[in-house]
Protein backbone atom coordinates (compact mmCIF):
# COMPACT_ATOMS: atom_id res chain seq x y z
CA UNK A 1 25.63 2.26 2.64
CA UNK A 2 21.91 2.29 3.43
CA UNK A 3 20.29 4.87 5.63
CA UNK A 4 17.80 4.77 8.51
CA UNK A 5 14.88 7.17 8.91
CA UNK A 6 13.21 7.77 12.29
CA UNK A 7 10.20 9.94 13.12
CA UNK A 8 9.64 10.79 16.79
CA UNK A 9 6.22 12.29 17.57
CA UNK A 10 6.20 14.05 14.19
CA UNK A 11 3.45 16.66 13.89
CA UNK A 12 2.32 18.80 10.97
CA UNK A 13 0.03 21.79 11.39
CA UNK A 14 -1.37 24.27 8.91
CA UNK A 15 -2.24 27.20 11.15
CA UNK A 16 -4.52 25.78 13.86
CA UNK A 17 -5.32 22.63 11.88
CA UNK A 18 -3.24 19.56 12.77
CA UNK A 19 -3.04 17.04 9.91
CA UNK A 20 -0.24 14.72 11.15
CA UNK A 21 -0.78 13.71 14.78
CA UNK A 22 2.43 12.76 16.61
CA UNK A 23 3.68 9.93 14.40
CA UNK A 24 6.39 7.51 15.57
CA UNK A 25 8.04 5.42 12.86
CA UNK A 26 11.33 3.57 12.32
CA UNK A 27 12.49 2.77 8.78
CA UNK A 28 15.50 0.46 8.76
CA UNK A 29 18.50 0.90 6.43
CA UNK A 30 17.82 -0.55 2.97
CA UNK A 31 14.13 -1.10 3.64
CA UNK A 32 11.42 -0.57 1.01
CA UNK A 33 8.65 1.11 3.03
CA UNK A 34 5.27 1.94 1.52
CA UNK A 35 2.89 4.55 2.94
CA UNK A 36 -0.65 3.57 1.98
CA UNK A 37 -4.08 4.93 2.81
CA UNK A 38 -7.07 6.74 1.33
CA UNK A 39 -6.91 10.23 -0.18
CA UNK A 40 -6.31 12.87 2.48
CA UNK A 41 -4.82 10.48 5.05
CA UNK A 42 -1.51 12.41 5.20
CA UNK A 43 0.81 10.02 3.36
CA UNK A 44 2.13 12.56 0.83
CA UNK A 45 2.43 15.23 3.55
CA UNK A 46 4.52 12.82 5.65
CA UNK A 47 6.75 12.08 2.65
CA UNK A 48 7.23 15.80 1.99
CA UNK A 49 8.16 16.34 5.65
CA UNK A 50 10.90 13.72 5.28
CA UNK A 51 12.03 15.32 2.01
CA UNK A 52 12.23 18.80 3.56
CA UNK A 53 9.52 20.21 1.27
CA UNK A 54 7.18 20.73 4.26
CA UNK A 55 8.45 22.12 7.59
CA UNK A 56 7.88 19.88 10.61
CA UNK A 57 5.64 21.55 13.19
CA UNK A 58 6.65 19.33 16.11
CA UNK A 59 8.70 16.26 16.98
CA UNK A 60 11.90 15.09 15.30
CA UNK A 61 13.09 13.65 11.99
CA UNK A 62 16.34 11.69 12.24
CA UNK A 63 18.29 10.45 9.22
CA UNK A 64 21.11 8.11 10.23
CA UNK A 65 20.68 9.41 13.78
CA UNK A 66 21.16 13.09 12.85
CA UNK A 67 18.28 15.52 13.47
CA UNK A 68 17.12 16.96 10.14
CA UNK A 69 14.21 19.24 11.03
CA UNK A 70 15.99 22.45 9.97
CA UNK A 71 18.35 20.95 7.35
CA UNK A 72 17.49 22.17 3.81
CA UNK A 73 16.03 19.59 1.41
CA UNK A 74 19.10 19.72 -0.84
CA UNK A 75 21.37 18.63 2.01
CA UNK A 76 19.37 15.64 3.27
CA UNK A 77 20.80 13.13 0.77
CA UNK A 78 17.34 12.50 -0.70
CA UNK A 79 16.04 12.22 -4.27
CA UNK A 80 12.32 12.37 -5.01
CA UNK A 81 10.26 10.98 -7.91
CA UNK A 82 6.86 12.62 -8.34
CA UNK A 83 3.56 11.62 -9.93
CA UNK A 84 4.20 14.08 -12.78
CA UNK A 85 7.40 13.37 -14.70
CA UNK A 86 8.37 17.09 -14.77
CA UNK A 87 10.94 16.60 -17.54
CA UNK A 88 12.39 19.57 -19.41
CA UNK A 89 10.66 19.33 -22.84
CA UNK A 90 13.41 21.15 -24.75
CA UNK A 91 16.18 18.88 -23.44
CA UNK A 92 17.14 15.40 -24.58
CA UNK A 93 16.88 12.48 -22.17
CA UNK A 94 20.66 12.69 -21.59
CA UNK A 95 20.41 16.41 -20.81
CA UNK A 96 17.48 15.82 -18.44
CA UNK A 97 19.52 13.24 -16.56
CA UNK A 98 22.68 15.37 -16.51
CA UNK A 99 21.17 18.78 -15.72
CA UNK A 100 21.07 18.50 -11.91
CA UNK A 101 24.67 17.26 -11.83
CA UNK A 102 25.84 20.07 -14.13
CA UNK A 103 24.14 22.60 -11.84
CA UNK A 104 25.98 21.03 -8.89
CA UNK A 105 29.30 21.46 -10.78
CA UNK A 106 29.99 17.71 -10.95
CA UNK A 107 32.94 16.98 -13.32
CA UNK A 108 31.88 16.16 -16.89
CA UNK A 109 33.49 12.70 -16.91
CA UNK A 110 31.65 11.74 -13.72
CA UNK A 111 28.37 13.03 -15.15
CA UNK A 112 28.82 10.83 -18.23
CA UNK A 113 29.62 7.83 -16.07
CA UNK A 114 26.61 8.35 -13.76
CA UNK A 115 24.19 8.92 -16.65
CA UNK A 116 25.47 5.83 -18.48
CA UNK A 117 25.08 3.74 -15.34
CA UNK A 118 21.51 4.96 -14.69
CA UNK A 119 20.57 4.42 -18.35
CA UNK A 120 21.88 0.86 -18.19
CA UNK A 121 19.99 0.09 -14.95
CA UNK A 122 16.73 1.42 -16.43
CA UNK A 123 17.34 0.10 -19.97
CA UNK A 124 16.94 3.54 -21.57
CA UNK A 125 20.31 3.72 -23.39
CA UNK A 126 18.59 3.85 -26.83
CA UNK A 127 16.50 6.83 -25.68
CA UNK A 128 19.26 9.20 -24.55
CA UNK A 129 19.07 11.41 -27.66
CA UNK A 130 15.28 11.66 -27.72
CA UNK A 131 13.14 14.51 -26.38
CA UNK A 132 10.43 13.75 -23.78
CA UNK A 133 7.63 14.19 -26.33
CA UNK A 134 9.07 11.22 -28.27
CA UNK A 135 8.71 8.92 -25.23
CA UNK A 136 5.82 6.85 -23.89
CA UNK A 137 4.51 7.42 -20.36
CA UNK A 138 6.48 4.48 -19.01
CA UNK A 139 9.69 5.69 -20.67
CA UNK A 140 9.20 9.21 -19.24
CA UNK A 141 8.75 7.78 -15.75
CA UNK A 142 11.95 5.75 -16.20
CA UNK A 143 13.78 8.97 -17.09
CA UNK A 144 12.33 10.67 -13.99
CA UNK A 145 13.59 7.76 -11.87
CA UNK A 146 16.96 7.96 -13.68
CA UNK A 147 17.24 11.62 -12.74
CA UNK A 148 16.96 10.51 -9.10
CA UNK A 149 19.48 7.66 -9.53
CA UNK A 150 22.25 9.88 -10.97
CA UNK A 151 22.22 11.97 -7.79
CA UNK A 152 23.31 8.84 -5.86
CA UNK A 153 21.03 9.69 -2.93
CA UNK A 154 20.98 7.91 0.41
CA UNK A 155 17.18 7.71 0.27
CA UNK A 156 14.71 7.52 -2.63
CA UNK A 157 11.23 8.99 -2.11
CA UNK A 158 8.42 8.10 -4.54
CA UNK A 159 5.14 10.06 -4.48
CA UNK A 160 2.53 8.00 -6.38
CA UNK A 161 4.90 7.65 -9.36
CA UNK A 162 2.73 5.21 -11.32
CA UNK A 163 -0.73 6.75 -11.04
CA UNK A 164 -0.50 8.45 -14.47
CA UNK A 165 0.25 5.14 -16.24
CA UNK A 166 -2.22 2.65 -17.67
CA UNK A 167 -2.86 -0.64 -15.85
CA UNK A 168 -0.41 -2.78 -17.86
CA UNK A 169 2.41 -0.24 -17.55
CA UNK A 170 1.78 0.10 -13.82
CA UNK A 171 2.35 -3.62 -13.35
CA UNK A 172 5.52 -3.48 -15.45
CA UNK A 173 6.90 -0.45 -13.59
CA UNK A 174 6.09 -2.03 -10.21
CA UNK A 175 8.33 -4.92 -11.13
CA UNK A 176 11.07 -2.55 -12.36
CA UNK A 177 11.05 -0.39 -9.20
CA UNK A 178 11.17 -3.52 -7.01
CA UNK A 179 14.12 -4.79 -9.08
CA UNK A 180 15.79 -1.36 -8.80
CA UNK A 181 15.55 -1.59 -5.02
CA UNK A 182 17.07 -5.06 -5.08
CA UNK A 183 19.93 -3.89 -7.31
CA UNK A 184 20.72 -0.62 -5.52
CA UNK A 185 19.89 -1.58 -1.92
CA UNK A 186 19.01 2.01 -0.99
CA UNK A 187 16.37 2.93 1.56
CA UNK A 188 13.17 3.67 -0.38
CA UNK A 189 9.92 5.24 0.81
CA UNK A 190 6.98 4.96 -1.55
CA UNK A 191 3.54 6.59 -1.33
CA UNK A 192 0.48 5.06 -2.99
CA UNK A 193 -3.28 4.76 -2.50
CA UNK A 194 -3.15 1.41 -4.34
CA UNK A 195 -2.91 -1.38 -1.79
CA UNK A 196 -1.96 -3.90 -4.53
CA UNK A 197 1.18 -1.83 -5.18
CA UNK A 198 1.83 -1.80 -1.44
CA UNK A 199 1.39 -5.57 -1.05
CA UNK A 200 3.59 -6.48 -4.02
CA UNK A 201 6.48 -4.06 -3.48
CA UNK A 202 6.93 -3.38 0.24
CA UNK A 203 9.18 -4.85 2.89
CA UNK A 204 7.11 -2.81 5.35
CA UNK A 205 3.69 -1.22 4.92
CA UNK A 206 2.56 1.80 6.94
CA UNK A 207 -1.25 2.13 6.85
CA UNK A 208 -2.37 5.71 7.49
CA UNK A 209 -5.77 7.19 8.19
CA UNK A 210 -6.55 10.82 9.09
CA UNK A 211 -2.95 11.64 10.00
CA UNK A 212 -2.31 8.68 12.29
CA UNK A 213 -0.68 5.28 11.75
CA UNK A 214 -3.22 2.47 12.02
CA UNK A 215 -0.72 -0.39 11.64
CA UNK A 216 2.86 -1.08 10.52
CA UNK A 217 4.10 -4.46 9.36
CA UNK A 218 5.12 -6.80 6.56
CA UNK A 219 2.48 -7.16 3.82
CA UNK A 220 1.33 -10.65 4.86
CA UNK A 221 1.28 -9.66 8.55
CA UNK A 222 -1.25 -6.94 7.73
CA UNK A 223 -3.22 -9.27 5.46
CA UNK A 224 -3.37 -12.14 7.97
CA UNK A 225 -3.50 -10.19 11.26
CA UNK A 226 -5.11 -6.77 10.80
CA UNK A 227 -5.31 -4.89 14.09
CA UNK A 228 -8.62 -3.25 13.26
CA UNK A 229 -11.47 -3.11 10.80
CA UNK A 230 -9.97 -0.22 8.83
CA UNK A 231 -6.74 -2.12 8.05
CA UNK A 232 -8.71 -5.32 7.35
CA UNK A 233 -10.86 -3.48 4.81
CA UNK A 234 -8.02 -1.57 3.20
CA UNK A 235 -5.51 -4.41 2.73
CA UNK A 236 -6.64 -7.14 0.34
CA UNK A 237 -8.37 -7.09 -3.04
CA UNK A 238 -11.29 -7.57 -3.28
CA UNK A 239 -11.85 -6.11 0.18
CA UNK A 240 -12.86 -8.17 3.20
CA UNK A 241 -16.54 -8.96 3.77
CA UNK A 242 -17.97 -7.49 6.99
CA UNK A 243 -21.15 -8.97 8.47
CA UNK A 244 -22.96 -7.26 11.35
CA UNK A 245 -23.32 -9.83 14.13
CA UNK A 246 -24.73 -10.21 17.64
CA UNK A 247 -23.36 -12.50 20.34
CA UNK A 248 -26.14 -14.99 21.19
CA UNK A 249 -24.22 -16.78 23.91
CA UNK A 250 -20.74 -17.35 25.29
CA UNK A 251 -19.04 -20.21 27.13
CA UNK A 252 -15.65 -21.94 27.42
CA UNK A 253 -15.95 -23.23 23.82
CA UNK A 254 -16.29 -19.71 22.44
CA UNK A 255 -19.00 -17.27 21.47
CA UNK A 256 -22.04 -18.02 19.30
CA UNK A 257 -22.65 -15.22 16.79
CA UNK A 258 -25.74 -14.58 14.73
CA UNK A 259 -24.37 -13.29 11.41
CA UNK A 260 -25.65 -13.48 7.87
CA UNK A 261 -28.82 -15.22 9.07
CA UNK A 262 -26.82 -18.14 10.52
CA UNK A 263 -25.25 -19.10 13.83
CA UNK A 264 -21.43 -19.24 13.88
CA UNK A 265 -19.31 -20.32 16.85
CA UNK A 266 -16.06 -18.35 17.08
CA UNK A 267 -13.10 -19.06 19.35
CA UNK A 268 -13.25 -15.69 21.06
CA UNK A 269 -14.19 -14.42 24.51
CA UNK A 270 -17.05 -11.97 23.90
CA UNK A 271 -19.92 -11.03 26.19
CA UNK A 272 -23.45 -12.13 25.30
CA UNK A 273 -25.42 -9.35 23.64
CA UNK A 274 -22.37 -7.49 22.28
CA UNK A 275 -22.57 -6.09 18.77
CA UNK A 276 -19.55 -7.18 16.74
CA UNK A 277 -18.45 -7.46 13.12
CA UNK A 278 -17.61 -10.82 11.56
CA UNK A 279 -14.95 -10.44 8.84
CA UNK A 280 -13.96 -12.93 6.16
CA UNK A 281 -12.06 -12.41 2.93
CA UNK A 282 -13.81 -13.39 -0.34
CA UNK A 283 -11.00 -15.85 -1.15
CA UNK A 284 -11.49 -17.60 2.21
CA UNK A 285 -15.15 -18.44 1.58
CA UNK A 286 -15.84 -21.87 0.07
CA UNK A 287 -18.88 -23.59 -1.44
CA UNK A 288 -17.90 -27.00 -0.09
CA UNK A 289 -18.62 -28.27 3.43
CA UNK A 290 -15.19 -29.93 3.45
CA UNK A 291 -13.64 -26.45 3.62
CA UNK A 292 -14.85 -25.67 7.15
CA UNK A 293 -17.88 -24.58 9.13
CA UNK A 294 -21.12 -23.20 7.70
CA UNK A 295 -21.11 -19.44 7.21
CA UNK A 296 -24.40 -18.43 5.60
CA UNK A 297 -27.10 -19.21 3.06
CA UNK A 298 -26.98 -16.69 0.22
CA UNK A 299 -28.84 -15.69 -2.94
CA UNK A 300 -26.66 -15.00 -6.01
CA UNK A 301 -27.01 -11.46 -7.44
CA UNK A 302 -24.14 -11.27 -9.93
CA UNK A 303 -21.39 -13.52 -11.27
CA UNK A 304 -18.11 -12.31 -12.84
CA UNK A 305 -16.06 -14.85 -14.77
CA UNK A 306 -12.42 -13.69 -14.67
CA UNK A 307 -10.94 -16.86 -16.17
CA UNK A 308 -8.70 -17.91 -13.30
CA UNK A 309 -11.30 -16.93 -10.72
CA UNK A 310 -15.08 -16.67 -10.42
CA UNK A 311 -16.44 -13.74 -8.41
CA UNK A 312 -19.89 -14.29 -6.90
CA UNK A 313 -21.79 -11.31 -5.47
CA UNK A 314 -24.56 -12.50 -3.18
CA UNK A 315 -26.92 -11.46 -0.38
CA UNK A 316 -27.33 -13.28 2.94
CA UNK A 317 -30.72 -14.19 4.42
CA UNK A 318 -30.52 -11.08 6.63
CA UNK A 319 -29.88 -8.87 3.57
CA UNK A 320 -26.14 -8.31 3.99
CA UNK A 321 -23.84 -8.32 0.91
CA UNK A 322 -21.25 -11.10 0.61
CA UNK A 323 -18.55 -11.45 -2.06
CA UNK A 324 -17.18 -14.94 -2.75
CA UNK A 325 -14.00 -15.56 -4.78
CA UNK A 326 -13.83 -19.11 -6.13
CA UNK A 327 -10.72 -20.43 -7.87
CA UNK A 328 -11.14 -21.48 -11.50
CA UNK A 329 -14.22 -21.30 -13.71
CA UNK A 330 -17.36 -22.15 -11.77
CA UNK A 331 -20.84 -22.22 -13.28
CA UNK A 332 -23.12 -20.32 -10.89
CA UNK A 333 -26.66 -19.30 -11.90
CA UNK A 334 -28.09 -15.87 -11.12
CA UNK A 335 -30.81 -16.07 -8.49
CA UNK A 336 -29.65 -19.47 -7.25
CA UNK A 337 -29.11 -20.21 -3.56
CA UNK A 338 -25.75 -21.31 -2.21
CA UNK A 339 -24.48 -22.51 1.15
CA UNK A 340 -21.15 -20.92 2.06
CA UNK A 341 -18.47 -22.25 4.39
CA UNK A 342 -15.39 -20.76 6.06
CA UNK A 343 -12.20 -22.21 7.51
CA UNK A 344 -12.32 -21.42 11.27
CA UNK A 345 -8.68 -20.28 11.08
CA UNK A 346 -9.47 -17.67 8.43
CA UNK A 347 -12.15 -15.41 9.90
CA UNK A 348 -11.82 -12.20 11.93
CA UNK A 349 -13.98 -10.62 14.63
CA UNK A 350 -14.00 -6.89 15.38
CA UNK A 351 -15.52 -5.18 18.41
CA UNK A 352 -17.80 -2.13 18.37
CA UNK A 353 -14.66 0.06 18.55
CA UNK A 354 -13.34 -1.53 15.32
CA UNK A 355 -10.44 -3.32 17.01
CA UNK A 356 -9.73 -6.98 16.32
CA UNK A 357 -10.86 -9.35 19.06
């Protein structure tokens, strides 16, 4: 049975310094929720408050409707997987998995059954007799996750569990954790600074900045409809292009912006003279007029050939940087001039306060 998690006006203070500012959040039973944001935004602190490793300074934490603020960590029905594997080096994999259950006086037969089940789920049965030093980084992280599984928690918490792995292993483990969620169906809360991990794994993403929630939603909701410039710049890789723009005129047809050295008409109600930001993702910029309306004339500074995609780094006529992602292998000469185009349905406009217009 999956478990809900609710935060009502949750606050965290260290002395006089408030680092989590009255957060409201609902996590539905069985949901895979990812906390994402830059370093220092409060995502790990929030996770530790849910785990019971950090006391809550104000507001309420409810798990399945029961207030948990003063309930000890061990009694919250939670298992946590950390960035460091923290395995006992002198114990075998089996002993590492079994140790917490032995301490809790779980019957030996049940321990064997739980360890066997976790080992099968994580495909580590051949490793049970090995010591941690005989394992790769990915295998050690699987054991750390297995140690959480054997506890049969109501909620799994992951605190940047893949950041110590190399790029290829991170991709592999992302897939495995997503599959684990599908197989077990438990509520999972996952912290990362890597928005690609967030986009590929989450049912729901919570974007944090400076101890507040900027936006909550499904990955594609945040990608397609960011509420503000911060979310727009954080979600998506490579990040969204932002061009400083001025409103030249406005009428019933929309507003005419001067951005990137060109005039662009946008279907927005904005007052003439306002300073705004025109946002467009690199993958939504085209080099063909058939793709939409003219965006800007640019000079090519750098070209990266990635095989399946060509990345063009350019500068607009008013000296603003623009990144263009073109599908396939495109021959583009350094120093050449290109005309760029954008689908009118794919751009974003942000006001001086950073909010989407």
